[in-house]
Amino acid sequence: MNGAWERRSGTNSETAALSLKIPYNEPSVTNRLAQRLESQLAPLPLDRRIVIVCVGTDRSTGDSLGPLVGTTLSREANPQFDLYGTLDEPVHAMNLTETLLRISRSTPRPYVIAIDACLGQVSSVGCIQIGTGPVRPGAGVNKDLPPVGDMHMTGIVNVGGFMEYFVLQNTRLNLVMKMADIISQSLLQAIRNTRTPAIPFAMPD
C-alpha cells in the first residue's frame, strides 16, 4: 500500500505560499487546482518534459486514487506529457524504484508530478493537496520507498493513525473516484494552458 500521511506545511513561507489544500466538493475546486498547477508549470521551458507518476494499486480502494487518475489521463492521448501508473499497469511498492530508474534513463531532466492517496485528520478527508517537492509513498503504512516528484498532488482519502491497511481497504470508492476525476481534469487543463505553443498572430494583407 502506498497511502502516505497528510503533508503539513513547514515554517518556510515560500513553501507555504505554493501549497494548496482544498475540499473536493468546493465549487471552484478544478479551476483553483489548475491555476496553482499553472503557476508551477508556466516557468518551465517547453523542452522540459512533464512526467506524471500516479502511485497506488487497484487492490485497495483507498490506494486506487493514483491508478484511477492515470487511467483517466491515458484516455486523452496527450503528447504533452508522459504517464506512468494506471489500473492496467500500476506503479506501486514493488516496482516504484524500477519505474523511477526507467524515467531517469529515458527522459532528460524530467519535471515529475507525483499523484498519490494519503491519510489525514478527520477534518481533512476529501481534500486535495498540491505542494512543491516530492511525495513519500508508503509513509502512512510504514513502508520505506523513494520520494517521488518535483511537485505532488495528493488526495486525503481517509483517516490515519490506526490500522492504516484496514482503513485504506475500507475507503469509499465513490469519494476516490470523484477526487480522481477532479485531479485529472485540473492536470489536463493546466498542461493545455501552459504547454501549448502560442499560434503567431498574422496581420491581414
C-alpha atoms as a PDB file:
ATOM      1  CA  MET A   1       0.000   0.000   0.000  1.00  0.00           C
ATOM      2  CA  ASN A   2       1.219   3.490  -0.765  1.00  0.00           C
ATOM      3  CA  GLY A   3      -1.071   5.737   1.258  1.00  0.00           C
ATOM      4  CA  ALA A   4       1.144   8.455   2.690  1.00  0.00           C
ATOM      5  CA  TRP A   5       0.451  10.691   5.649  1.00  0.00           C
ATOM      6  CA  GLU A   6      -1.053  14.100   5.037  1.00  0.00           C
ATOM      7  CA  ARG A   7       1.725  16.564   4.271  1.00  0.00           C
ATOM      8  CA  ARG A   8       1.791  19.588   6.546  1.00  0.00           C
ATOM      9  CA  SER A   9       3.333  22.916   5.547  1.00  0.00           C
ATOM     10  CA  GLY A  10       6.582  23.784   7.251  1.00  0.00           C
ATOM     11  CA  THR A  11       7.717  27.162   8.507  1.00  0.00           C
ATOM     12  CA  ASN A  12       9.190  28.184   5.166  1.00  0.00           C
ATOM     13  CA  SER A  13       6.893  30.949   3.915  1.00  0.00           C
ATOM     14  CA  GLU A  14       7.725  30.319   0.250  1.00  0.00           C
ATOM     15  CA  THR A  15       6.764  26.645   0.526  1.00  0.00           C
ATOM     16  CA  ALA A  16       3.564  27.537   2.368  1.00  0.00           C
ATOM     17  CA  ALA A  17       2.650  30.047  -0.327  1.00  0.00           C
ATOM     18  CA  LEU A  18       2.984  27.404  -3.025  1.00  0.00           C
ATOM     19  CA  SER A  19       0.932  24.748  -1.242  1.00  0.00           C
ATOM     20  CA  LEU A  20      -2.832  24.401  -1.513  1.00  0.00           C
ATOM     21  CA  LYS A  21      -5.375  22.184   0.218  1.00  0.00           C
ATOM     22  CA  ILE A  22      -8.990  22.332  -0.921  1.00  0.00           C
ATOM     23  CA  PRO A  23     -12.065  20.112  -0.406  1.00  0.00           C
ATOM     24  CA  TYR A  24     -13.069  18.106  -3.483  1.00  0.00           C
ATOM     25  CA  ASN A  25     -16.655  19.447  -3.274  1.00  0.00           C
ATOM     26  CA  GLU A  26     -15.630  23.105  -3.314  1.00  0.00           C
ATOM     27  CA  PRO A  27     -17.486  24.626  -6.324  1.00  0.00           C
ATOM     28  CA  SER A  28     -14.336  26.061  -7.912  1.00  0.00           C
ATOM     29  CA  VAL A  29     -12.021  23.188  -6.994  1.00  0.00           C
ATOM     30  CA  THR A  30     -10.927  22.207 -10.519  1.00  0.00           C
ATOM     31  CA  ASN A  31     -10.117  25.765 -11.591  1.00  0.00           C
ATOM     32  CA  ARG A  32      -8.264  26.541  -8.367  1.00  0.00           C
ATOM     33  CA  LEU A  33      -6.162  23.409  -8.637  1.00  0.00           C
ATOM     34  CA  ALA A  34      -5.454  24.103 -12.304  1.00  0.00           C
ATOM     35  CA  GLN A  35      -4.401  27.673 -11.551  1.00  0.00           C
ATOM     36  CA  ARG A  36      -1.965  26.507  -8.878  1.00  0.00           C
ATOM     37  CA  LEU A  37      -0.576  23.891 -11.242  1.00  0.00           C
ATOM     38  CA  GLU A  38      -0.178  26.513 -13.944  1.00  0.00           C
ATOM     39  CA  SER A  39       1.857  28.698 -11.580  1.00  0.00           C
ATOM     40  CA  GLN A  40       4.308  25.802 -11.273  1.00  0.00           C
ATOM     41  CA  LEU A  41       4.353  24.723 -14.921  1.00  0.00           C
ATOM     42  CA  ALA A  42       4.372  28.086 -16.693  1.00  0.00           C
ATOM     43  CA  PRO A  43       8.025  28.947 -15.858  1.00  0.00           C
ATOM     44  CA  LEU A  44       9.283  25.609 -17.214  1.00  0.00           C
ATOM     45  CA  PRO A  45      10.959  25.658 -20.640  1.00  0.00           C
ATOM     46  CA  LEU A  46       8.810  23.912 -23.243  1.00  0.00           C
ATOM     47  CA  ASP A  47      11.571  21.405 -23.941  1.00  0.00           C
ATOM     48  CA  ARG A  48      11.492  20.143 -20.351  1.00  0.00           C
ATOM     49  CA  ARG A  49       9.293  17.059 -20.411  1.00  0.00           C
ATOM     50  CA  ILE A  50       6.428  16.702 -17.925  1.00  0.00           C
ATOM     51  CA  VAL A  51       6.136  13.216 -16.444  1.00  0.00           C
ATOM     52  CA  ILE A  52       3.105  12.264 -14.343  1.00  0.00           C
ATOM     53  CA  VAL A  53       3.639   9.348 -11.959  1.00  0.00           C
ATOM     54  CA  CYS A  54       0.421   8.010 -10.442  1.00  0.00           C
ATOM     55  CA  VAL A  55       1.303   5.864  -7.438  1.00  0.00           C
ATOM     56  CA  GLY A  56      -1.030   3.239  -5.969  1.00  0.00           C
ATOM     57  CA  THR A  57      -2.725  -0.090  -6.511  1.00  0.00           C
ATOM     58  CA  ASP A  58      -6.174  -1.267  -7.555  1.00  0.00           C
ATOM     59  CA  ARG A  59      -6.019  -3.918  -4.813  1.00  0.00           C
ATOM     60  CA  SER A  60      -7.008  -1.321  -2.221  1.00  0.00           C
ATOM     61  CA  THR A  61      -9.938   1.065  -2.622  1.00  0.00           C
ATOM     62  CA  GLY A  62      -8.246   3.966  -0.866  1.00  0.00           C
ATOM     63  CA  ASP A  63      -4.955   3.415  -2.626  1.00  0.00           C
ATOM     64  CA  SER A  64      -6.541   3.297  -6.089  1.00  0.00           C
ATOM     65  CA  LEU A  65      -6.631   7.096  -6.404  1.00  0.00           C
ATOM     66  CA  GLY A  66      -3.360   7.253  -8.358  1.00  0.00           C
ATOM     67  CA  PRO A  67      -4.182   4.469 -10.840  1.00  0.00           C
ATOM     68  CA  LEU A  68      -7.653   5.952 -11.406  1.00  0.00           C
ATOM     69  CA  VAL A  69      -6.106   9.325 -12.249  1.00  0.00           C
ATOM     70  CA  GLY A  70      -3.627   7.606 -14.554  1.00  0.00           C
ATOM     71  CA  THR A  71      -6.335   5.661 -16.362  1.00  0.00           C
ATOM     72  CA  THR A  72      -8.393   8.815 -16.931  1.00  0.00           C
ATOM     73  CA  LEU A  73      -5.348  10.665 -18.274  1.00  0.00           C
ATOM     74  CA  SER A  74      -4.417   7.733 -20.525  1.00  0.00           C
ATOM     75  CA  ARG A  75      -7.677   8.137 -22.441  1.00  0.00           C
ATOM     76  CA  GLU A  76      -6.682  11.620 -23.592  1.00  0.00           C
ATOM     77  CA  ALA A  77      -3.734  10.532 -25.798  1.00  0.00           C
ATOM     78  CA  ASN A  78      -1.990  13.785 -24.898  1.00  0.00           C
ATOM     79  CA  PRO A  79       1.523  14.199 -26.386  1.00  0.00           C
ATOM     80  CA  GLN A  80       2.419  16.938 -23.902  1.00  0.00           C
ATOM     81  CA  PHE A  81       3.333  14.603 -21.030  1.00  0.00           C
ATOM     82  CA  ASP A  82       4.477  11.077 -20.247  1.00  0.00           C
ATOM     83  CA  LEU A  83       2.356   8.937 -17.940  1.00  0.00           C
ATOM     84  CA  TYR A  84       3.206   6.137 -15.540  1.00  0.00           C
ATOM     85  CA  GLY A  85       0.673   4.322 -13.360  1.00  0.00           C
ATOM     86  CA  THR A  86      -2.766   3.138 -14.496  1.00  0.00           C
ATOM     87  CA  LEU A  87      -5.212   0.439 -13.440  1.00  0.00           C
ATOM     88  CA  ASP A  88      -3.733  -1.809 -16.138  1.00  0.00           C
ATOM     89  CA  GLU A  89      -0.122  -1.042 -15.226  1.00  0.00           C
ATOM     90  CA  PRO A  90       0.025   0.388 -11.688  1.00  0.00           C
ATOM     91  CA  VAL A  91       3.106   1.912 -10.089  1.00  0.00           C
ATOM     92  CA  HIS A  92       3.294   0.527  -6.549  1.00  0.00           C
ATOM     93  CA  ALA A  93       5.717  -0.525  -3.828  1.00  0.00           C
ATOM     94  CA  MET A  94       7.076  -3.446  -5.838  1.00  0.00           C
ATOM     95  CA  ASN A  95       8.051  -1.506  -8.964  1.00  0.00           C
ATOM     96  CA  LEU A  96       8.373   2.130  -7.879  1.00  0.00           C
ATOM     97  CA  THR A  97      12.187   2.156  -7.783  1.00  0.00           C
ATOM     98  CA  GLU A  98      12.359   0.461 -11.181  1.00  0.00           C
ATOM     99  CA  THR A  99       9.886   2.975 -12.636  1.00  0.00           C
ATOM    100  CA  LEU A 100      11.855   5.971 -11.384  1.00  0.00           C
ATOM    101  CA  LEU A 101      15.033   4.472 -12.834  1.00  0.00           C
ATOM    102  CA  ARG A 102      13.320   3.976 -16.194  1.00  0.00           C
ATOM    103  CA  ILE A 103      12.180   7.612 -16.202  1.00  0.00           C
ATOM    104  CA  SER A 104      15.670   8.896 -15.399  1.00  0.00           C
ATOM    105  CA  ARG A 105      17.148   6.820 -18.232  1.00  0.00           C
ATOM    106  CA  SER A 106      14.583   7.743 -20.878  1.00  0.00           C
ATOM    107  CA  THR A 107      13.841  11.399 -20.141  1.00  0.00           C
ATOM    108  CA  PRO A 108      16.496  14.120 -19.709  1.00  0.00           C
ATOM    109  CA  ARG A 109      15.629  16.490 -16.841  1.00  0.00           C
ATOM    110  CA  PRO A 110      12.007  15.378 -16.424  1.00  0.00           C
ATOM    111  CA  TYR A 111       9.633  17.503 -14.392  1.00  0.00           C
ATOM    112  CA  VAL A 112       7.801  14.890 -12.359  1.00  0.00           C
ATOM    113  CA  ILE A 113       4.313  15.412 -10.935  1.00  0.00           C
ATOM    114  CA  ALA A 114       3.514  12.696  -8.384  1.00  0.00           C
ATOM    115  CA  ILE A 115      -0.072  11.646  -7.662  1.00  0.00           C
ATOM    116  CA  ASP A 116      -0.876   9.590  -4.560  1.00  0.00           C
ATOM    117  CA  ALA A 117      -3.512   8.901  -1.937  1.00  0.00           C
ATOM    118  CA  CYS A 118      -2.830   9.753   1.685  1.00  0.00           C
ATOM    119  CA  LEU A 119      -4.410   9.516   5.107  1.00  0.00           C
ATOM    120  CA  GLY A 120      -5.027  12.507   7.354  1.00  0.00           C
ATOM    121  CA  GLN A 121      -7.132  14.095  10.051  1.00  0.00           C
ATOM    122  CA  VAL A 122     -10.909  13.711  10.057  1.00  0.00           C
ATOM    123  CA  SER A 123     -11.401  17.341   9.064  1.00  0.00           C
ATOM    124  CA  SER A 124      -9.139  16.901   6.017  1.00  0.00           C
ATOM    125  CA  VAL A 125     -10.743  13.812   4.475  1.00  0.00           C
ATOM    126  CA  GLY A 126     -11.879  14.667   0.951  1.00  0.00           C
ATOM    127  CA  CYS A 127      -9.293  17.414   0.497  1.00  0.00           C
ATOM    128  CA  ILE A 128      -6.903  17.549  -2.445  1.00  0.00           C
ATOM    129  CA  GLN A 129      -3.431  18.961  -1.867  1.00  0.00           C
ATOM    130  CA  ILE A 130      -0.816  20.458  -4.171  1.00  0.00           C
ATOM    131  CA  GLY A 131       2.711  21.081  -2.958  1.00  0.00           C
ATOM    132  CA  THR A 132       6.249  21.553  -4.171  1.00  0.00           C
ATOM    133  CA  GLY A 133       8.780  18.807  -3.687  1.00  0.00           C
ATOM    134  CA  PRO A 134       8.242  15.056  -3.570  1.00  0.00           C
ATOM    135  CA  VAL A 135       5.580  12.900  -2.014  1.00  0.00           C
ATOM    136  CA  ARG A 136       6.776   9.994   0.140  1.00  0.00           C
ATOM    137  CA  PRO A 137       4.705   6.958  -0.808  1.00  0.00           C
ATOM    138  CA  GLY A 138       4.117   4.404   1.911  1.00  0.00           C
ATOM    139  CA  ALA A 139       4.797   6.741   4.831  1.00  0.00           C
ATOM    140  CA  GLY A 140       1.328   6.120   6.246  1.00  0.00           C
ATOM    141  CA  VAL A 141       1.795   2.338   6.293  1.00  0.00           C
ATOM    142  CA  ASN A 142       5.454   2.253   7.383  1.00  0.00           C
ATOM    143  CA  LYS A 143       6.988   1.434   4.003  1.00  0.00           C
ATOM    144  CA  ASP A 144      10.411   2.819   3.127  1.00  0.00           C
ATOM    145  CA  LEU A 145      10.013   3.898  -0.509  1.00  0.00           C
ATOM    146  CA  PRO A 146      11.891   6.516  -2.533  1.00  0.00           C
ATOM    147  CA  PRO A 147      10.430  10.029  -2.721  1.00  0.00           C
ATOM    148  CA  VAL A 148       8.681  10.908  -5.977  1.00  0.00           C
ATOM    149  CA  GLY A 149       8.160  14.182  -7.779  1.00  0.00           C
ATOM    150  CA  ASP A 150       9.328  17.732  -8.272  1.00  0.00           C
ATOM    151  CA  MET A 151       5.814  18.556  -7.125  1.00  0.00           C
ATOM    152  CA  HIS A 152       2.890  16.450  -5.928  1.00  0.00           C
ATOM    153  CA  MET A 153      -0.882  16.191  -5.779  1.00  0.00           C
ATOM    154  CA  THR A 154      -2.395  14.042  -3.049  1.00  0.00           C
ATOM    155  CA  GLY A 155      -5.938  13.170  -2.126  1.00  0.00           C
ATOM    156  CA  ILE A 156      -6.730  12.625   1.555  1.00  0.00           C
ATOM    157  CA  VAL A 157      -8.987   9.596   1.239  1.00  0.00           C
ATOM    158  CA  ASN A 158      -9.482   8.563   4.863  1.00  0.00           C
ATOM    159  CA  VAL A 159      -8.418   8.989   8.488  1.00  0.00           C
ATOM    160  CA  GLY A 160      -4.922   7.981   9.544  1.00  0.00           C
ATOM    161  CA  GLY A 161      -3.427   6.953  12.840  1.00  0.00           C
ATOM    162  CA  PHE A 162      -4.818   3.460  13.414  1.00  0.00           C
ATOM    163  CA  MET A 163      -4.946   0.242  11.341  1.00  0.00           C
ATOM    164  CA  GLU A 164      -3.951   2.035   8.149  1.00  0.00           C
ATOM    165  CA  TYR A 165      -4.167  -1.034   5.903  1.00  0.00           C
ATOM    166  CA  PHE A 166      -7.718  -1.704   7.068  1.00  0.00           C
ATOM    167  CA  VAL A 167      -8.671   1.956   6.653  1.00  0.00           C
ATOM    168  CA  LEU A 168      -7.355   2.069   3.076  1.00  0.00           C
ATOM    169  CA  GLN A 169      -9.166  -1.170   2.198  1.00  0.00           C
ATOM    170  CA  ASN A 170     -12.453   0.234   3.503  1.00  0.00           C
ATOM    171  CA  THR A 171     -12.360   3.671   1.915  1.00  0.00           C
ATOM    172  CA  ARG A 172     -15.439   4.626  -0.115  1.00  0.00           C
ATOM    173  CA  LEU A 173     -14.833   4.157  -3.845  1.00  0.00           C
ATOM    174  CA  ASN A 174     -17.288   6.961  -4.603  1.00  0.00           C
ATOM    175  CA  LEU A 175     -15.070   9.507  -2.862  1.00  0.00           C
ATOM    176  CA  VAL A 176     -11.893   8.218  -4.503  1.00  0.00           C
ATOM    177  CA  MET A 177     -13.422   8.300  -8.000  1.00  0.00           C
ATOM    178  CA  LYS A 178     -14.701  11.855  -7.567  1.00  0.00           C
ATOM    179  CA  MET A 179     -11.322  13.053  -6.358  1.00  0.00           C
ATOM    180  CA  ALA A 180      -9.547  11.220  -9.190  1.00  0.00           C
ATOM    181  CA  ASP A 181     -11.754  12.902 -11.793  1.00  0.00           C
ATOM    182  CA  ILE A 182     -11.063  16.367 -10.342  1.00  0.00           C
ATOM    183  CA  ILE A 183      -7.314  15.792 -10.201  1.00  0.00           C
ATOM    184  CA  SER A 184      -7.299  14.511 -13.790  1.00  0.00           C
ATOM    185  CA  GLN A 185      -9.261  17.445 -15.160  1.00  0.00           C
ATOM    186  CA  SER A 186      -7.154  20.022 -13.329  1.00  0.00           C
ATOM    187  CA  LEU A 187      -3.959  18.445 -14.664  1.00  0.00           C
ATOM    188  CA  LEU A 188      -5.235  18.400 -18.241  1.00  0.00           C
ATOM    189  CA  GLN A 189      -6.450  21.986 -18.005  1.00  0.00           C
ATOM    190  CA  ALA A 190      -3.150  23.248 -16.585  1.00  0.00           C
ATOM    191  CA  ILE A 191      -1.000  21.376 -19.094  1.00  0.00           C
ATOM    192  CA  ARG A 192      -3.068  22.563 -22.051  1.00  0.00           C
ATOM    193  CA  ASN A 193      -2.886  26.161 -20.839  1.00  0.00           C
ATOM    194  CA  THR A 194       0.865  26.167 -20.237  1.00  0.00           C
ATOM    195  CA  ARG A 195       2.375  23.717 -22.713  1.00  0.00           C
ATOM    196  CA  THR A 196       0.545  24.506 -25.947  1.00  0.00           C
ATOM    197  CA  PRO A 197       2.731  26.775 -28.091  1.00  0.00           C
ATOM    198  CA  ALA A 198       1.140  30.078 -28.951  1.00  0.00           C
ATOM    199  CA  ILE A 199      -0.073  30.469 -32.539  1.00  0.00           C
ATOM    200  CA  PRO A 200       1.571  33.539 -34.131  1.00  0.00           C
ATOM    201  CA  PHE A 201      -0.889  36.267 -34.991  1.00  0.00           C
ATOM    202  CA  ALA A 202      -0.873  37.006 -38.702  1.00  0.00           C
ATOM    203  CA  MET A 203      -1.600  40.537 -39.838  1.00  0.00           C
ATOM    204  CA  PRO A 204      -4.038  40.779 -42.739  1.00  0.00           C
ATOM    205  CA  ASP A 205      -2.568  41.748 -46.109  1.00  0.00           C
END
